[in-house]
Amino acid sequence: MRNGGRRLKLEKKIRPLNQLKRITASLKKSGKKIVFTNGCFDLLHYGHVKYLEGAKNKGDALIVAVNSDGSVKKLKGKNRPLVSGKYRQRVLAALECVDFVVLFNEETPLKTIIALKPDVLVKGGDWKQKDIVGSDFVKSCGGKVFSIGFVKGFSSSALIRKIKKGH
């Protein structure tokens, strides 16, 4: 019974965009600040966790948009993702700092950002604010955009290289 309840809680965090639009509108109406970030999150590591915790600290509800498998393949190459979108979403939903997870199929999350109208848009420190997709839209709606410090030495690509070397 205990595991079944946890599974249901995780599944409630993973939502399609149409449902998440209604949820975020309701949260905003009640005065909650919505934070949005996105990424592939192919191999979740310490750098991701620190980044997501920092993003959550910028508001009340953190939404993580995850690139679909096809989107990851276009961005990262034919051998990616290593983990399917279904499971990447579940891993992210298991994190306490993550309130909602949504999958997007496009190469960028702009359509998702426009649909959800977050108050805060966050990306990792490897992104310059002017290059963050959706930053102009969020700012035009009165929102804020942040780049959160990158944890040096942690990246999925570096982990893959390390594994390939037989480390």
C-alpha atoms as a PDB file:
ATOM      1  CA  MET A   1       0.000   0.000   0.000  1.00  0.00           C
ATOM      2  CA  ARG A   2       2.724   2.492   0.900  1.00  0.00           C
ATOM      3  CA  ASN A   3       4.454   2.136  -2.479  1.00  0.00           C
ATOM      4  CA  GLY A   4       1.161   2.469  -4.353  1.00  0.00           C
ATOM      5  CA  GLY A   5       0.492   5.829  -2.682  1.00  0.00           C
ATOM      6  CA  ARG A   6       3.958   7.112  -3.574  1.00  0.00           C
ATOM      7  CA  ARG A   7       3.518   5.967  -7.176  1.00  0.00           C
ATOM      8  CA  LEU A   8       0.225   7.854  -7.421  1.00  0.00           C
ATOM      9  CA  LYS A   9       1.847  10.971  -5.987  1.00  0.00           C
ATOM     10  CA  LEU A  10       4.621  10.775  -8.605  1.00  0.00           C
ATOM     11  CA  GLU A  11       2.132  10.239 -11.406  1.00  0.00           C
ATOM     12  CA  LYS A  12       0.183  13.331 -10.289  1.00  0.00           C
ATOM     13  CA  LYS A  13       3.327  15.397 -10.839  1.00  0.00           C
ATOM     14  CA  ILE A  14       3.624  14.266 -14.474  1.00  0.00           C
ATOM     15  CA  ARG A  15       1.029  16.158 -16.489  1.00  0.00           C
ATOM     16  CA  PRO A  16       0.237  16.846 -20.131  1.00  0.00           C
ATOM     17  CA  LEU A  17       0.429  20.492 -21.162  1.00  0.00           C
ATOM     18  CA  ASN A  18      -3.346  21.038 -21.372  1.00  0.00           C
ATOM     19  CA  GLN A  19      -3.809  19.948 -17.735  1.00  0.00           C
ATOM     20  CA  LEU A  20      -0.775  21.874 -16.558  1.00  0.00           C
ATOM     21  CA  LYS A  21      -2.145  25.075 -18.123  1.00  0.00           C
ATOM     22  CA  ARG A  22      -5.237  24.826 -15.899  1.00  0.00           C
ATOM     23  CA  ILE A  23      -3.168  23.933 -12.820  1.00  0.00           C
ATOM     24  CA  THR A  24      -0.742  26.827 -13.243  1.00  0.00           C
ATOM     25  CA  ALA A  25      -3.559  29.301 -13.881  1.00  0.00           C
ATOM     26  CA  SER A  26      -5.181  28.186 -10.634  1.00  0.00           C
ATOM     27  CA  LEU A  27      -1.907  28.399  -8.699  1.00  0.00           C
ATOM     28  CA  LYS A  28      -1.226  31.895 -10.053  1.00  0.00           C
ATOM     29  CA  LYS A  29      -4.758  32.975  -9.148  1.00  0.00           C
ATOM     30  CA  SER A  30      -4.046  31.938  -5.551  1.00  0.00           C
ATOM     31  CA  GLY A  31      -0.881  34.066  -5.526  1.00  0.00           C
ATOM     32  CA  LYS A  32       1.716  31.343  -6.151  1.00  0.00           C
ATOM     33  CA  LYS A  33       4.840  32.148  -8.170  1.00  0.00           C
ATOM     34  CA  ILE A  34       5.449  29.645 -10.995  1.00  0.00           C
ATOM     35  CA  VAL A  35       9.053  28.752 -11.873  1.00  0.00           C
ATOM     36  CA  PHE A  36       9.855  27.038 -15.169  1.00  0.00           C
ATOM     37  CA  THR A  37      12.946  25.266 -16.395  1.00  0.00           C
ATOM     38  CA  ASN A  38      13.669  22.688 -19.039  1.00  0.00           C
ATOM     39  CA  GLY A  39      16.235  20.218 -20.255  1.00  0.00           C
ATOM     40  CA  CYS A  40      17.007  16.720 -21.446  1.00  0.00           C
ATOM     41  CA  PHE A  41      17.975  15.349 -18.007  1.00  0.00           C
ATOM     42  CA  ASP A  42      19.265  12.194 -19.676  1.00  0.00           C
ATOM     43  CA  LEU A  43      21.470  11.065 -16.794  1.00  0.00           C
ATOM     44  CA  LEU A  44      20.384  12.823 -13.628  1.00  0.00           C
ATOM     45  CA  HIS A  45      23.404  13.838 -11.548  1.00  0.00           C
ATOM     46  CA  TYR A  46      24.423  16.089  -8.655  1.00  0.00           C
ATOM     47  CA  GLY A  47      24.694  19.156 -10.894  1.00  0.00           C
ATOM     48  CA  HIS A  48      21.092  18.715 -12.001  1.00  0.00           C
ATOM     49  CA  VAL A  49      19.848  18.326  -8.432  1.00  0.00           C
ATOM     50  CA  LYS A  50      21.643  21.469  -7.210  1.00  0.00           C
ATOM     51  CA  TYR A  51      20.333  23.382 -10.214  1.00  0.00           C
ATOM     52  CA  LEU A  52      16.726  22.222  -9.670  1.00  0.00           C
ATOM     53  CA  GLU A  53      16.875  23.043  -5.967  1.00  0.00           C
ATOM     54  CA  GLY A  54      18.129  26.529  -6.864  1.00  0.00           C
ATOM     55  CA  ALA A  55      15.330  26.942  -9.384  1.00  0.00           C
ATOM     56  CA  LYS A  56      12.713  25.927  -6.812  1.00  0.00           C
ATOM     57  CA  ASN A  57      14.052  28.622  -4.470  1.00  0.00           C
ATOM     58  CA  LYS A  58      12.975  31.268  -7.002  1.00  0.00           C
ATOM     59  CA  GLY A  59       9.254  30.650  -6.443  1.00  0.00           C
ATOM     60  CA  ASP A  60       6.491  28.428  -5.102  1.00  0.00           C
ATOM     61  CA  ALA A  61       5.950  25.761  -7.769  1.00  0.00           C
ATOM     62  CA  LEU A  62       8.674  24.350 -10.025  1.00  0.00           C
ATOM     63  CA  ILE A  63       7.717  23.010 -13.440  1.00  0.00           C
ATOM     64  CA  VAL A  64      10.340  21.010 -15.312  1.00  0.00           C
ATOM     65  CA  ALA A  65       9.778  20.585 -19.044  1.00  0.00           C
ATOM     66  CA  VAL A  66      11.603  17.537 -20.402  1.00  0.00           C
ATOM     67  CA  ASN A  67      12.679  17.116 -24.016  1.00  0.00           C
ATOM     68  CA  SER A  68      10.975  14.160 -25.703  1.00  0.00           C
ATOM     69  CA  ASP A  69      13.163  11.335 -27.037  1.00  0.00           C
ATOM     70  CA  GLY A  70      12.933  12.713 -30.575  1.00  0.00           C
ATOM     71  CA  SER A  71      13.873  16.188 -29.398  1.00  0.00           C
ATOM     72  CA  VAL A  72      16.896  14.854 -27.461  1.00  0.00           C
ATOM     73  CA  LYS A  73      18.023  12.891 -30.513  1.00  0.00           C
ATOM     74  CA  LYS A  74      17.942  16.069 -32.639  1.00  0.00           C
ATOM     75  CA  LEU A  75      19.880  18.046 -30.030  1.00  0.00           C
ATOM     76  CA  LYS A  76      22.362  15.457 -28.745  1.00  0.00           C
ATOM     77  CA  GLY A  77      22.771  12.965 -31.585  1.00  0.00           C
ATOM     78  CA  LYS A  78      21.572   9.528 -32.672  1.00  0.00           C
ATOM     79  CA  ASN A  79      22.842   7.706 -29.555  1.00  0.00           C
ATOM     80  CA  ARG A  80      20.798   9.805 -27.160  1.00  0.00           C
ATOM     81  CA  PRO A  81      18.789   9.734 -25.047  1.00  0.00           C
ATOM     82  CA  LEU A  82      20.154   6.896 -22.976  1.00  0.00           C
ATOM     83  CA  VAL A  83      17.009   6.903 -20.834  1.00  0.00           C
ATOM     84  CA  SER A  84      13.540   7.211 -22.383  1.00  0.00           C
ATOM     85  CA  GLY A  85      11.389  10.249 -21.682  1.00  0.00           C
ATOM     86  CA  LYS A  86       8.901   8.207 -19.676  1.00  0.00           C
ATOM     87  CA  TYR A  87      11.594   7.260 -17.167  1.00  0.00           C
ATOM     88  CA  ARG A  88      13.349  10.644 -17.183  1.00  0.00           C
ATOM     89  CA  GLN A  89      10.018  12.198 -16.185  1.00  0.00           C
ATOM     90  CA  ARG A  90       9.560   9.705 -13.343  1.00  0.00           C
ATOM     91  CA  VAL A  91      13.047  10.336 -11.964  1.00  0.00           C
ATOM     92  CA  LEU A  92      12.478  14.100 -11.979  1.00  0.00           C
ATOM     93  CA  ALA A  93       9.031  13.716 -10.398  1.00  0.00           C
ATOM     94  CA  ALA A  94      10.638  11.793  -7.537  1.00  0.00           C
ATOM     95  CA  LEU A  95      12.635  14.873  -6.528  1.00  0.00           C
ATOM     96  CA  GLU A  96      11.100  16.817  -3.665  1.00  0.00           C
ATOM     97  CA  CYS A  97      11.907  20.191  -5.255  1.00  0.00           C
ATOM     98  CA  VAL A  98      10.018  19.371  -8.472  1.00  0.00           C
ATOM     99  CA  ASP A  99       6.278  20.052  -8.415  1.00  0.00           C
ATOM    100  CA  PHE A 100       5.335  19.190 -11.995  1.00  0.00           C
ATOM    101  CA  VAL A 101       6.926  17.579 -15.040  1.00  0.00           C
ATOM    102  CA  VAL A 102       5.768  17.990 -18.629  1.00  0.00           C
ATOM    103  CA  LEU A 103       7.175  16.483 -21.820  1.00  0.00           C
ATOM    104  CA  PHE A 104       7.650  18.619 -24.938  1.00  0.00           C
ATOM    105  CA  ASN A 105       8.345  17.446 -28.494  1.00  0.00           C
ATOM    106  CA  GLU A 106       9.796  20.570 -30.060  1.00  0.00           C
ATOM    107  CA  GLU A 107      13.514  21.438 -30.146  1.00  0.00           C
ATOM    108  CA  THR A 108      12.852  24.361 -27.797  1.00  0.00           C
ATOM    109  CA  PRO A 109      10.296  24.789 -24.999  1.00  0.00           C
ATOM    110  CA  LEU A 110       8.948  28.106 -26.335  1.00  0.00           C
ATOM    111  CA  LYS A 111       5.437  26.766 -27.048  1.00  0.00           C
ATOM    112  CA  THR A 112       5.297  25.320 -23.520  1.00  0.00           C
ATOM    113  CA  ILE A 113       6.574  28.548 -21.943  1.00  0.00           C
ATOM    114  CA  ILE A 114       3.975  30.614 -23.814  1.00  0.00           C
ATOM    115  CA  ALA A 115       1.209  28.210 -22.781  1.00  0.00           C
ATOM    116  CA  LEU A 116       2.166  28.207 -19.080  1.00  0.00           C
ATOM    117  CA  LYS A 117       3.211  31.874 -18.701  1.00  0.00           C
ATOM    118  CA  PRO A 118       5.634  31.264 -15.813  1.00  0.00           C
ATOM    119  CA  ASP A 119       6.596  34.084 -13.456  1.00  0.00           C
ATOM    120  CA  VAL A 120      10.216  32.943 -13.436  1.00  0.00           C
ATOM    121  CA  LEU A 121      12.296  31.269 -16.129  1.00  0.00           C
ATOM    122  CA  VAL A 122      15.514  29.519 -15.063  1.00  0.00           C
ATOM    123  CA  LYS A 123      18.379  27.854 -16.932  1.00  0.00           C
ATOM    124  CA  GLY A 124      21.808  26.667 -15.898  1.00  0.00           C
ATOM    125  CA  GLY A 125      24.803  28.962 -15.663  1.00  0.00           C
ATOM    126  CA  ASP A 126      26.072  27.701 -19.013  1.00  0.00           C
ATOM    127  CA  TRP A 127      23.302  29.810 -20.594  1.00  0.00           C
ATOM    128  CA  LYS A 128      23.532  33.587 -21.028  1.00  0.00           C
ATOM    129  CA  GLN A 129      20.223  35.256 -20.169  1.00  0.00           C
ATOM    130  CA  LYS A 130      19.882  36.743 -23.658  1.00  0.00           C
ATOM    131  CA  ASP A 131      20.158  33.228 -25.164  1.00  0.00           C
ATOM    132  CA  ILE A 132      17.539  31.587 -22.941  1.00  0.00           C
ATOM    133  CA  VAL A 133      14.574  30.545 -25.065  1.00  0.00           C
ATOM    134  CA  GLY A 134      11.442  32.333 -23.880  1.00  0.00           C
ATOM    135  CA  SER A 135      13.266  35.014 -21.897  1.00  0.00           C
ATOM    136  CA  ASP A 136      11.804  37.870 -23.953  1.00  0.00           C
ATOM    137  CA  PHE A 137       8.282  36.467 -23.560  1.00  0.00           C
ATOM    138  CA  VAL A 138       8.596  35.973 -19.775  1.00  0.00           C
ATOM    139  CA  LYS A 139      10.036  39.472 -19.307  1.00  0.00           C
ATOM    140  CA  SER A 140       7.266  40.975 -21.473  1.00  0.00           C
ATOM    141  CA  CYS A 141       4.748  39.443 -19.065  1.00  0.00           C
ATOM    142  CA  GLY A 142       6.502  41.022 -16.075  1.00  0.00           C
ATOM    143  CA  GLY A 143       8.445  37.888 -15.135  1.00  0.00           C
ATOM    144  CA  LYS A 144      12.097  37.339 -14.290  1.00  0.00           C
ATOM    145  CA  VAL A 145      14.830  35.266 -15.916  1.00  0.00           C
ATOM    146  CA  PHE A 146      17.767  33.714 -14.069  1.00  0.00           C
ATOM    147  CA  SER A 147      20.872  31.731 -14.903  1.00  0.00           C
ATOM    148  CA  ILE A 148      21.784  29.546 -11.942  1.00  0.00           C
ATOM    149  CA  GLY A 149      25.430  28.732 -11.320  1.00  0.00           C
ATOM    150  CA  PHE A 150      26.759  25.692 -13.120  1.00  0.00           C
ATOM    151  CA  VAL A 151      28.267  22.991 -10.884  1.00  0.00           C
ATOM    152  CA  LYS A 152      31.678  22.450 -12.447  1.00  0.00           C
ATOM    153  CA  GLY A 153      32.611  18.890 -13.319  1.00  0.00           C
ATOM    154  CA  PHE A 154      29.060  17.585 -13.641  1.00  0.00           C
ATOM    155  CA  SER A 155      27.445  16.966 -17.014  1.00  0.00           C
ATOM    156  CA  SER A 156      25.739  14.029 -18.667  1.00  0.00           C
ATOM    157  CA  SER A 157      28.183  14.208 -21.581  1.00  0.00           C
ATOM    158  CA  ALA A 158      31.164  14.029 -19.194  1.00  0.00           C
ATOM    159  CA  LEU A 159      29.599  11.043 -17.419  1.00  0.00           C
ATOM    160  CA  ILE A 160      29.088   9.267 -20.739  1.00  0.00           C
ATOM    161  CA  ARG A 161      32.726   9.876 -21.720  1.00  0.00           C
ATOM    162  CA  LYS A 162      33.867   8.543 -18.352  1.00  0.00           C
ATOM    163  CA  ILE A 163      31.743   5.394 -18.717  1.00  0.00           C
ATOM    164  CA  LYS A 164      33.022   4.827 -22.268  1.00  0.00           C
ATOM    165  CA  LYS A 165      36.607   4.938 -20.983  1.00  0.00           C
ATOM    166  CA  GLY A 166      35.708   2.048 -18.699  1.00  0.00           C
ATOM    167  CA  HIS A 167      36.052   4.060 -15.534  1.00  0.00           C
END
